[in-house]
C-alpha atoms as a PDB file:
ATOM      1  CA  UNK A   1      39.474  44.903  -8.053  1.00  0.00           C
ATOM      2  CA  UNK A   2      40.661  41.996  -5.678  1.00  0.00           C
ATOM      3  CA  UNK A   3      38.285  43.009  -3.136  1.00  0.00           C
ATOM      4  CA  UNK A   4      35.447  43.466  -5.185  1.00  0.00           C
ATOM      5  CA  UNK A   5      36.048  40.233  -6.990  1.00  0.00           C
ATOM      6  CA  UNK A   6      35.969  37.965  -4.044  1.00  0.00           C
ATOM      7  CA  UNK A   7      32.077  38.672  -3.128  1.00  0.00           C
ATOM      8  CA  UNK A   8      31.248  38.186  -6.850  1.00  0.00           C
ATOM      9  CA  UNK A   9      32.819  34.779  -6.723  1.00  0.00           C
ATOM     10  CA  UNK A  10      31.140  33.644  -3.532  1.00  0.00           C
ATOM     11  CA  UNK A  11      28.050  34.993  -4.620  1.00  0.00           C
ATOM     12  CA  UNK A  12      28.661  32.571  -7.801  1.00  0.00           C
ATOM     13  CA  UNK A  13      29.299  29.494  -5.888  1.00  0.00           C
ATOM     14  CA  UNK A  14      26.118  30.220  -3.807  1.00  0.00           C
ATOM     15  CA  UNK A  15      24.063  30.452  -6.948  1.00  0.00           C
ATOM     16  CA  UNK A  16      25.463  27.346  -8.176  1.00  0.00           C
ATOM     17  CA  UNK A  17      25.005  25.463  -4.863  1.00  0.00           C
ATOM     18  CA  UNK A  18      21.231  26.867  -4.882  1.00  0.00           C
ATOM     19  CA  UNK A  19      20.936  25.429  -8.469  1.00  0.00           C
ATOM     20  CA  UNK A  20      21.996  22.138  -7.398  1.00  0.00           C
ATOM     21  CA  UNK A  21      19.830  21.851  -4.633  1.00  0.00           C
ATOM     22  CA  UNK A  22      16.948  22.958  -6.989  1.00  0.00           C
ATOM     23  CA  UNK A  23      17.837  20.307  -9.445  1.00  0.00           C
ATOM     24  CA  UNK A  24      17.978  17.562  -6.574  1.00  0.00           C
ATOM     25  CA  UNK A  25      14.732  18.486  -5.407  1.00  0.00           C
ATOM     26  CA  UNK A  26      13.326  18.257  -8.872  1.00  0.00           C
ATOM     27  CA  UNK A  27      14.593  14.948  -9.218  1.00  0.00           C
ATOM     28  CA  UNK A  28      13.377  13.681  -5.961  1.00  0.00           C
ATOM     29  CA  UNK A  29       9.927  14.853  -6.782  1.00  0.00           C
ATOM     30  CA  UNK A  30       9.866  13.381 -10.131  1.00  0.00           C
ATOM     31  CA  UNK A  31      11.238   9.949  -8.785  1.00  0.00           C
ATOM     32  CA  UNK A  32       7.750   8.871  -7.634  1.00  0.00           C
ATOM     33  CA  UNK A  33       6.271   9.807 -10.782  1.00  0.00           C
ATOM     34  CA  UNK A  34       8.765   7.631 -12.802  1.00  0.00           C
ATOM     35  CA  UNK A  35       8.042   4.834 -10.443  1.00  0.00           C
ATOM     36  CA  UNK A  36       4.344   5.215 -11.236  1.00  0.00           C
ATOM     37  CA  UNK A  37       4.950   5.031 -15.035  1.00  0.00           C
ATOM     38  CA  UNK A  38       6.303   1.595 -14.558  1.00  0.00           C
ATOM     39  CA  UNK A  39       4.023   0.030 -12.199  1.00  0.00           C
ATOM     40  CA  UNK A  40       4.041  -3.614 -11.592  1.00  0.00           C
ATOM     41  CA  UNK A  41       1.070  -5.559 -12.544  1.00  0.00           C
ATOM     42  CA  UNK A  42       0.275  -9.096 -13.095  1.00  0.00           C
ATOM     43  CA  UNK A  43      -0.583  -8.866 -16.875  1.00  0.00           C
ATOM     44  CA  UNK A  44      -0.645  -6.285 -19.627  1.00  0.00           C
ATOM     45  CA  UNK A  45      -3.634  -6.873 -22.189  1.00  0.00           C
ATOM     46  CA  UNK A  46      -3.990  -5.243 -25.756  1.00  0.00           C
ATOM     47  CA  UNK A  47      -7.536  -5.860 -27.164  1.00  0.00           C
ATOM     48  CA  UNK A  48      -7.476  -5.841 -30.869  1.00  0.00           C
ATOM     49  CA  UNK A  49     -11.047  -5.519 -32.439  1.00  0.00           C
ATOM     50  CA  UNK A  50     -11.920  -5.917 -35.887  1.00  0.00           C
ATOM     51  CA  UNK A  51     -13.510  -3.098 -37.553  1.00  0.00           C
ATOM     52  CA  UNK A  52     -12.659  -4.196 -41.227  1.00  0.00           C
ATOM     53  CA  UNK A  53     -15.591  -3.862 -44.005  1.00  0.00           C
ATOM     54  CA  UNK A  54     -16.988  -7.207 -43.259  1.00  0.00           C
ATOM     55  CA  UNK A  55     -18.040  -6.136 -39.846  1.00  0.00           C
ATOM     56  CA  UNK A  56     -21.329  -3.906 -40.260  1.00  0.00           C
ATOM     57  CA  UNK A  57     -22.511  -1.853 -37.629  1.00  0.00           C
ATOM     58  CA  UNK A  58     -24.709  -4.280 -35.691  1.00  0.00           C
ATOM     59  CA  UNK A  59     -22.036  -6.986 -35.446  1.00  0.00           C
ATOM     60  CA  UNK A  60     -19.298  -4.038 -34.387  1.00  0.00           C
ATOM     61  CA  UNK A  61     -21.759  -3.183 -31.523  1.00  0.00           C
ATOM     62  CA  UNK A  62     -22.050  -6.877 -30.607  1.00  0.00           C
ATOM     63  CA  UNK A  63     -18.479  -7.087 -30.089  1.00  0.00           C
ATOM     64  CA  UNK A  64     -18.099  -3.598 -28.120  1.00  0.00           C
ATOM     65  CA  UNK A  65     -20.884  -4.865 -25.839  1.00  0.00           C
ATOM     66  CA  UNK A  66     -19.536  -8.108 -25.248  1.00  0.00           C
ATOM     67  CA  UNK A  67     -16.260  -6.513 -23.951  1.00  0.00           C
ATOM     68  CA  UNK A  68     -17.958  -3.925 -21.952  1.00  0.00           C
ATOM     69  CA  UNK A  69     -20.258  -6.416 -20.487  1.00  0.00           C
ATOM     70  CA  UNK A  70     -17.256  -8.811 -19.611  1.00  0.00           C
ATOM     71  CA  UNK A  71     -15.252  -6.113 -17.659  1.00  0.00           C
ATOM     72  CA  UNK A  72     -18.415  -5.364 -15.494  1.00  0.00           C
ATOM     73  CA  UNK A  73     -18.653  -9.013 -14.719  1.00  0.00           C
ATOM     74  CA  UNK A  74     -17.954 -10.249 -11.075  1.00  0.00           C
ATOM     75  CA  UNK A  75     -15.953 -13.394 -12.571  1.00  0.00           C
ATOM     76  CA  UNK A  76     -13.851 -11.021 -14.511  1.00  0.00           C
ATOM     77  CA  UNK A  77     -12.935  -8.843 -11.158  1.00  0.00           C
ATOM     78  CA  UNK A  78     -12.295 -11.947  -9.406  1.00  0.00           C
ATOM     79  CA  UNK A  79     -10.012 -13.199 -12.031  1.00  0.00           C
ATOM     80  CA  UNK A  80      -8.241 -10.034 -11.422  1.00  0.00           C
ATOM     81  CA  UNK A  81      -8.093 -10.346  -7.914  1.00  0.00           C
ATOM     82  CA  UNK A  82      -6.692 -13.980  -7.971  1.00  0.00           C
ATOM     83  CA  UNK A  83      -3.252 -12.730  -9.131  1.00  0.00           C
ATOM     84  CA  UNK A  84      -0.071 -12.085  -7.213  1.00  0.00           C
ATOM     85  CA  UNK A  85      -0.249  -8.322  -7.469  1.00  0.00           C
ATOM     86  CA  UNK A  86      -4.405  -8.272  -7.871  1.00  0.00           C
ATOM     87  CA  UNK A  87      -4.033  -5.862 -10.928  1.00  0.00           C
ATOM     88  CA  UNK A  88      -3.598  -5.706 -14.675  1.00  0.00           C
ATOM     89  CA  UNK A  89      -3.391  -3.117 -17.325  1.00  0.00           C
ATOM     90  CA  UNK A  90      -5.461  -3.060 -20.516  1.00  0.00           C
ATOM     91  CA  UNK A  91      -5.931  -1.072 -23.610  1.00  0.00           C
ATOM     92  CA  UNK A  92      -8.514  -1.250 -26.925  1.00  0.00           C
ATOM     93  CA  UNK A  93      -7.460  -1.142 -30.137  1.00  0.00           C
ATOM     94  CA  UNK A  94      -9.514  -1.152 -33.591  1.00  0.00           C
ATOM     95  CA  UNK A  95      -7.928  -2.537 -36.486  1.00  0.00           C
ATOM     96  CA  UNK A  96      -8.325  -2.866 -40.105  1.00  0.00           C
ATOM     97  CA  UNK A  97      -5.781  -2.437 -42.893  1.00  0.00           C
ATOM     98  CA  UNK A  98      -1.820  -2.867 -42.571  1.00  0.00           C
ATOM     99  CA  UNK A  99      -1.356   0.980 -41.404  1.00  0.00           C
ATOM    100  CA  UNK A 100      -5.266   1.317 -39.933  1.00  0.00           C
ATOM    101  CA  UNK A 101      -4.900   1.150 -36.034  1.00  0.00           C
ATOM    102  CA  UNK A 102      -6.323   3.478 -33.496  1.00  0.00           C
ATOM    103  CA  UNK A 103      -6.211   2.827 -29.762  1.00  0.00           C
ATOM    104  CA  UNK A 104     -10.157   4.082 -28.653  1.00  0.00           C
ATOM    105  CA  UNK A 105      -9.204   3.215 -25.017  1.00  0.00           C
ATOM    106  CA  UNK A 106      -5.926   4.100 -23.330  1.00  0.00           C
ATOM    107  CA  UNK A 107      -3.831   1.857 -21.187  1.00  0.00           C
ATOM    108  CA  UNK A 108      -5.861   1.685 -17.682  1.00  0.00           C
ATOM    109  CA  UNK A 109      -4.969   0.113 -14.547  1.00  0.00           C
ATOM    110  CA  UNK A 110      -7.831  -2.425 -13.250  1.00  0.00           C
ATOM    111  CA  UNK A 111      -7.544  -3.699  -9.599  1.00  0.00           C
ATOM    112  CA  UNK A 112     -11.136  -3.534  -8.309  1.00  0.00           C
ATOM    113  CA  UNK A 113     -14.833  -3.538  -9.298  1.00  0.00           C
ATOM    114  CA  UNK A 114     -14.441   0.491  -9.715  1.00  0.00           C
ATOM    115  CA  UNK A 115     -11.738   0.544 -12.255  1.00  0.00           C
ATOM    116  CA  UNK A 116     -13.196  -2.414 -13.933  1.00  0.00           C
ATOM    117  CA  UNK A 117     -16.479  -0.483 -14.197  1.00  0.00           C
ATOM    118  CA  UNK A 118     -14.647   2.583 -15.258  1.00  0.00           C
ATOM    119  CA  UNK A 119     -12.867   0.680 -18.077  1.00  0.00           C
ATOM    120  CA  UNK A 120     -16.144  -1.094 -19.135  1.00  0.00           C
ATOM    121  CA  UNK A 121     -18.034   2.498 -19.561  1.00  0.00           C
ATOM    122  CA  UNK A 122     -15.009   3.658 -21.423  1.00  0.00           C
ATOM    123  CA  UNK A 123     -15.438   0.801 -23.955  1.00  0.00           C
ATOM    124  CA  UNK A 124     -19.216   1.330 -24.141  1.00  0.00           C
ATOM    125  CA  UNK A 125     -18.460   5.424 -24.811  1.00  0.00           C
ATOM    126  CA  UNK A 126     -15.754   4.530 -27.664  1.00  0.00           C
ATOM    127  CA  UNK A 127     -17.037   5.120 -31.083  1.00  0.00           C
ATOM    128  CA  UNK A 128     -16.026   3.209 -33.946  1.00  0.00           C
ATOM    129  CA  UNK A 129     -12.957   4.980 -35.463  1.00  0.00           C
ATOM    130  CA  UNK A 130     -12.498   2.763 -38.904  1.00  0.00           C
ATOM    131  CA  UNK A 131     -14.599   1.494 -41.361  1.00  0.00           C
ATOM    132  CA  UNK A 132     -12.650  -0.373 -44.044  1.00  0.00           C
ATOM    133  CA  UNK A 133      -9.233  -1.093 -45.481  1.00  0.00           C
ATOM    134  CA  UNK A 134      -8.844  -4.828 -45.569  1.00  0.00           C
ATOM    135  CA  UNK A 135      -8.303  -7.237 -43.106  1.00  0.00           C
ATOM    136  CA  UNK A 136      -4.530  -7.179 -41.762  1.00  0.00           C
ATOM    137  CA  UNK A 137      -4.032  -9.492 -38.729  1.00  0.00           C
ATOM    138  CA  UNK A 138      -0.342  -8.752 -39.243  1.00  0.00           C
ATOM    139  CA  UNK A 139      -1.167  -4.979 -38.734  1.00  0.00           C
ATOM    140  CA  UNK A 140      -2.904  -5.565 -35.961  1.00  0.00           C
ATOM    141  CA  UNK A 141      -0.194  -7.788 -34.104  1.00  0.00           C
ATOM    142  CA  UNK A 142       2.472  -5.452 -35.256  1.00  0.00           C
ATOM    143  CA  UNK A 143       0.879  -2.498 -33.711  1.00  0.00           C
ATOM    144  CA  UNK A 144      -0.474  -4.134 -30.430  1.00  0.00           C
ATOM    145  CA  UNK A 145       3.157  -5.376 -29.960  1.00  0.00           C
ATOM    146  CA  UNK A 146       4.271  -1.529 -30.217  1.00  0.00           C
ATOM    147  CA  UNK A 147       1.996  -0.464 -27.596  1.00  0.00           C
ATOM    148  CA  UNK A 148       3.534  -2.254 -24.892  1.00  0.00           C
ATOM    149  CA  UNK A 149       6.698  -0.409 -25.178  1.00  0.00           C
ATOM    150  CA  UNK A 150       4.652   3.099 -23.791  1.00  0.00           C
ATOM    151  CA  UNK A 151       2.141   1.319 -21.863  1.00  0.00           C
ATOM    152  CA  UNK A 152       3.540   2.701 -18.472  1.00  0.00           C
ATOM    153  CA  UNK A 153       3.439  -0.615 -16.923  1.00  0.00           C
ATOM    154  CA  UNK A 154       5.781  -4.081 -16.697  1.00  0.00           C
ATOM    155  CA  UNK A 155       4.472  -7.550 -16.184  1.00  0.00           C
ATOM    156  CA  UNK A 156       5.686 -10.854 -16.745  1.00  0.00           C
ATOM    157  CA  UNK A 157       3.017 -11.531 -18.988  1.00  0.00           C
ATOM    158  CA  UNK A 158       2.072  -9.381 -22.219  1.00  0.00           C
ATOM    159  CA  UNK A 159      -0.800 -10.501 -24.482  1.00  0.00           C
ATOM    160  CA  UNK A 160      -2.557  -9.453 -27.510  1.00  0.00           C
ATOM    161  CA  UNK A 161      -6.067 -10.614 -27.517  1.00  0.00           C
ATOM    162  CA  UNK A 162      -7.384 -10.386 -31.432  1.00  0.00           C
ATOM    163  CA  UNK A 163     -10.863 -10.960 -32.783  1.00  0.00           C
ATOM    164  CA  UNK A 164     -12.216 -10.908 -36.028  1.00  0.00           C
ATOM    165  CA  UNK A 165     -14.112 -12.765 -38.924  1.00  0.00           C
ATOM    166  CA  UNK A 166     -11.557 -12.978 -41.509  1.00  0.00           C
ATOM    167  CA  UNK A 167      -8.139 -14.112 -42.662  1.00  0.00           C
ATOM    168  CA  UNK A 168      -5.347 -11.772 -43.435  1.00  0.00           C
ATOM    169  CA  UNK A 169      -5.659 -10.393 -46.934  1.00  0.00           C
ATOM    170  CA  UNK A 170      -3.596  -7.010 -46.583  1.00  0.00           C
ATOM    171  CA  UNK A 171       0.110  -6.383 -45.290  1.00  0.00           C
ATOM    172  CA  UNK A 172       2.894  -8.948 -44.665  1.00  0.00           C
ATOM    173  CA  UNK A 173       1.888 -12.841 -43.696  1.00  0.00           C
ATOM    174  CA  UNK A 174       0.223 -13.017 -40.227  1.00  0.00           C
ATOM    175  CA  UNK A 175       2.393 -15.607 -39.203  1.00  0.00           C
ATOM    176  CA  UNK A 176       5.577 -13.480 -39.608  1.00  0.00           C
ATOM    177  CA  UNK A 177       4.083 -10.858 -37.414  1.00  0.00           C
ATOM    178  CA  UNK A 178       2.923 -13.419 -34.856  1.00  0.00           C
ATOM    179  CA  UNK A 179       6.525 -15.044 -34.874  1.00  0.00           C
ATOM    180  CA  UNK A 180       8.129 -11.405 -34.180  1.00  0.00           C
ATOM    181  CA  UNK A 181       5.771 -11.093 -31.497  1.00  0.00           C
ATOM    182  CA  UNK A 182       6.669 -14.091 -29.914  1.00  0.00           C
ATOM    183  CA  UNK A 183      10.140 -13.841 -29.935  1.00  0.00           C
ATOM    184  CA  UNK A 184       9.839 -10.287 -28.017  1.00  0.00           C
ATOM    185  CA  UNK A 185       7.929 -12.431 -25.378  1.00  0.00           C
ATOM    186  CA  UNK A 186       4.397 -11.595 -26.284  1.00  0.00           C
ATOM    187  CA  UNK A 187       1.377 -14.150 -26.418  1.00  0.00           C
ATOM    188  CA  UNK A 188      -1.150 -14.066 -28.980  1.00  0.00           C
ATOM    189  CA  UNK A 189      -4.608 -15.320 -28.275  1.00  0.00           C
ATOM    190  CA  UNK A 190      -7.577 -15.428 -30.881  1.00  0.00           C
ATOM    191  CA  UNK A 191     -11.245 -15.260 -30.878  1.00  0.00           C
ATOM    192  CA  UNK A 192     -12.250 -16.018 -34.656  1.00  0.00           C
ATOM    193  CA  UNK A 193     -15.903 -15.298 -35.702  1.00  0.00           C
ATOM    194  CA  UNK A 194     -16.786 -17.975 -37.998  1.00  0.00           C
ATOM    195  CA  UNK A 195     -19.730 -16.368 -39.876  1.00  0.00           C
ATOM    196  CA  UNK A 196     -17.907 -15.711 -43.194  1.00  0.00           C
ATOM    197  CA  UNK A 197     -14.988 -18.247 -42.916  1.00  0.00           C
ATOM    198  CA  UNK A 198     -16.069 -21.498 -41.418  1.00  0.00           C
ATOM    199  CA  UNK A 199     -12.386 -22.623 -41.135  1.00  0.00           C
ATOM    200  CA  UNK A 200     -11.189 -19.658 -39.723  1.00  0.00           C
ATOM    201  CA  UNK A 201     -10.370 -21.093 -36.228  1.00  0.00           C
ATOM    202  CA  UNK A 202      -7.936 -23.424 -38.183  1.00  0.00           C
ATOM    203  CA  UNK A 203      -6.500 -20.501 -39.674  1.00  0.00           C
ATOM    204  CA  UNK A 204      -5.857 -18.758 -36.604  1.00  0.00           C
ATOM    205  CA  UNK A 205      -4.397 -21.785 -35.000  1.00  0.00           C
ATOM    206  CA  UNK A 206      -1.709 -21.927 -37.871  1.00  0.00           C
ATOM    207  CA  UNK A 207      -1.103 -18.358 -38.368  1.00  0.00           C
ATOM    208  CA  UNK A 208      -2.284 -15.785 -35.508  1.00  0.00           C
ATOM    209  CA  UNK A 209      -1.700 -17.278 -31.855  1.00  0.00           C
ATOM    210  CA  UNK A 210       1.356 -17.885 -30.339  1.00  0.00           C
ATOM    211  CA  UNK A 211       3.397 -17.980 -27.395  1.00  0.00           C
ATOM    212  CA  UNK A 212       3.237 -20.372 -24.438  1.00  0.00           C
ATOM    213  CA  UNK A 213      -0.208 -21.376 -23.554  1.00  0.00           C
ATOM    214  CA  UNK A 214      -1.664 -19.399 -26.645  1.00  0.00           C
ATOM    215  CA  UNK A 215      -5.401 -20.560 -27.118  1.00  0.00           C
ATOM    216  CA  UNK A 216      -8.203 -20.107 -29.729  1.00  0.00           C
ATOM    217  CA  UNK A 217     -11.906 -19.697 -28.888  1.00  0.00           C
ATOM    218  CA  UNK A 218     -14.111 -19.842 -31.702  1.00  0.00           C
ATOM    219  CA  UNK A 219     -18.091 -18.735 -32.041  1.00  0.00           C
ATOM    220  CA  UNK A 220     -20.109 -19.493 -34.970  1.00  0.00           C
ATOM    221  CA  UNK A 221     -21.921 -16.471 -34.839  1.00  0.00           C
ATOM    222  CA  UNK A 222     -21.807 -12.780 -33.759  1.00  0.00           C
ATOM    223  CA  UNK A 223     -24.638 -13.434 -31.011  1.00  0.00           C
ATOM    224  CA  UNK A 224     -22.331 -15.739 -29.117  1.00  0.00           C
ATOM    225  CA  UNK A 225     -19.435 -13.201 -28.910  1.00  0.00           C
ATOM    226  CA  UNK A 226     -20.255 -12.167 -25.492  1.00  0.00           C
ATOM    227  CA  UNK A 227     -19.974 -15.274 -23.746  1.00  0.00           C
ATOM    228  CA  UNK A 228     -16.801 -16.142 -25.660  1.00  0.00           C
ATOM    229  CA  UNK A 229     -15.341 -12.887 -24.727  1.00  0.00           C
ATOM    230  CA  UNK A 230     -16.296 -13.347 -21.251  1.00  0.00           C
ATOM    231  CA  UNK A 231     -14.802 -17.147 -21.152  1.00  0.00           C
ATOM    232  CA  UNK A 232     -11.659 -15.820 -23.256  1.00  0.00           C
ATOM    233  CA  UNK A 233     -10.841 -12.851 -20.801  1.00  0.00           C
ATOM    234  CA  UNK A 234     -11.125 -15.104 -17.514  1.00  0.00           C
ATOM    235  CA  UNK A 235      -8.695 -17.530 -18.646  1.00  0.00           C
ATOM    236  CA  UNK A 236      -6.152 -14.841 -20.269  1.00  0.00           C
ATOM    237  CA  UNK A 237      -6.374 -13.183 -16.788  1.00  0.00           C
ATOM    238  CA  UNK A 238      -6.520 -16.239 -14.372  1.00  0.00           C
ATOM    239  CA  UNK A 239      -3.625 -17.624 -15.995  1.00  0.00           C
ATOM    240  CA  UNK A 240      -1.383 -14.650 -15.596  1.00  0.00           C
ATOM    241  CA  UNK A 241       1.813 -15.185 -13.244  1.00  0.00           C
ATOM    242  CA  UNK A 242       3.552 -13.057 -10.741  1.00  0.00           C
ATOM    243  CA  UNK A 243       4.646  -9.747 -12.348  1.00  0.00           C
ATOM    244  CA  UNK A 244       7.592  -7.369 -11.878  1.00  0.00           C
ATOM    245  CA  UNK A 245       9.223  -8.518 -14.854  1.00  0.00           C
ATOM    246  CA  UNK A 246       9.381 -12.436 -14.676  1.00  0.00           C
ATOM    247  CA  UNK A 247       9.694 -14.185 -17.846  1.00  0.00           C
ATOM    248  CA  UNK A 248       7.806 -17.305 -17.072  1.00  0.00           C
ATOM    249  CA  UNK A 249       4.190 -17.756 -17.727  1.00  0.00           C
ATOM    250  CA  UNK A 250       1.461 -20.189 -16.343  1.00  0.00           C
ATOM    251  CA  UNK A 251       0.543 -23.061 -18.781  1.00  0.00           C
ATOM    252  CA  UNK A 252      -2.722 -23.177 -20.359  1.00  0.00           C
ATOM    253  CA  UNK A 253      -4.325 -26.066 -18.014  1.00  0.00           C
ATOM    254  CA  UNK A 254      -3.259 -24.362 -15.027  1.00  0.00           C
ATOM    255  CA  UNK A 255      -5.127 -21.669 -16.343  1.00  0.00           C
ATOM    256  CA  UNK A 256      -8.292 -23.419 -17.036  1.00  0.00           C
ATOM    257  CA  UNK A 257      -8.180 -25.133 -13.665  1.00  0.00           C
ATOM    258  CA  UNK A 258      -8.450 -21.585 -11.842  1.00  0.00           C
ATOM    259  CA  UNK A 259     -10.934 -20.380 -14.414  1.00  0.00           C
ATOM    260  CA  UNK A 260     -13.074 -23.123 -13.309  1.00  0.00           C
ATOM    261  CA  UNK A 261     -12.478 -22.531  -9.596  1.00  0.00           C
ATOM    262  CA  UNK A 262     -13.741 -19.048 -10.361  1.00  0.00           C
ATOM    263  CA  UNK A 263     -16.712 -19.946 -12.202  1.00  0.00           C
ATOM    264  CA  UNK A 264     -17.898 -22.770 -10.162  1.00  0.00           C
ATOM    265  CA  UNK A 265     -17.654 -20.186  -7.072  1.00  0.00           C
ATOM    266  CA  UNK A 266     -19.852 -17.496  -8.448  1.00  0.00           C
END
């Protein structure tokens, strides 16, 4: 019995060793994939687009076209290439009520003209997925903040870019959501459209935007949205600091100086 037990124990030890080697090989194979899932970029940006009932089909298309054209613009690409890592990660979300937000373009790495063109095309192809439910800026901010947790990227600056044509009328106060996001290290910038509420820019300054260097760019009609979002994106992207987990961010005046330098060289 002892003579037969010895080969069995040896076989068992060899099998355990082979399993350990296989597990080690698997972990080594997964390591690059895990690193890729937390790629460092200069900026993570959530584009939060108003799809509430006050935004009819033509107004919604003007918003969507404005974003698509902006990411195809050489000045936006130049702003991206001006960062230390020369790359950003962007996702687009449509929003209406407190629990009504849909990601229509998933997190995308943009680091050159080709990847920017791909993202622009994805925006243009994305259908409208929401058509009502009130105007919950707080819901948009809360959900936008959650998107960073599963972005697959890391950066020194995380920004939610909120555009809309109305003040918060559903869910918790917008300022409460703003304050929570700012405490988490997120910056919120705003692009209010003043067609329905002429003082909406003041409301955004008091209740929506927050964080170091946060700013508002307002337009008085949807026809001017494209030019405004182009300016806003260049300023947001050019102001992005070194990535890789750094906590500091560039101030708004620095971002504006970079913006003017980029525009003047086109």
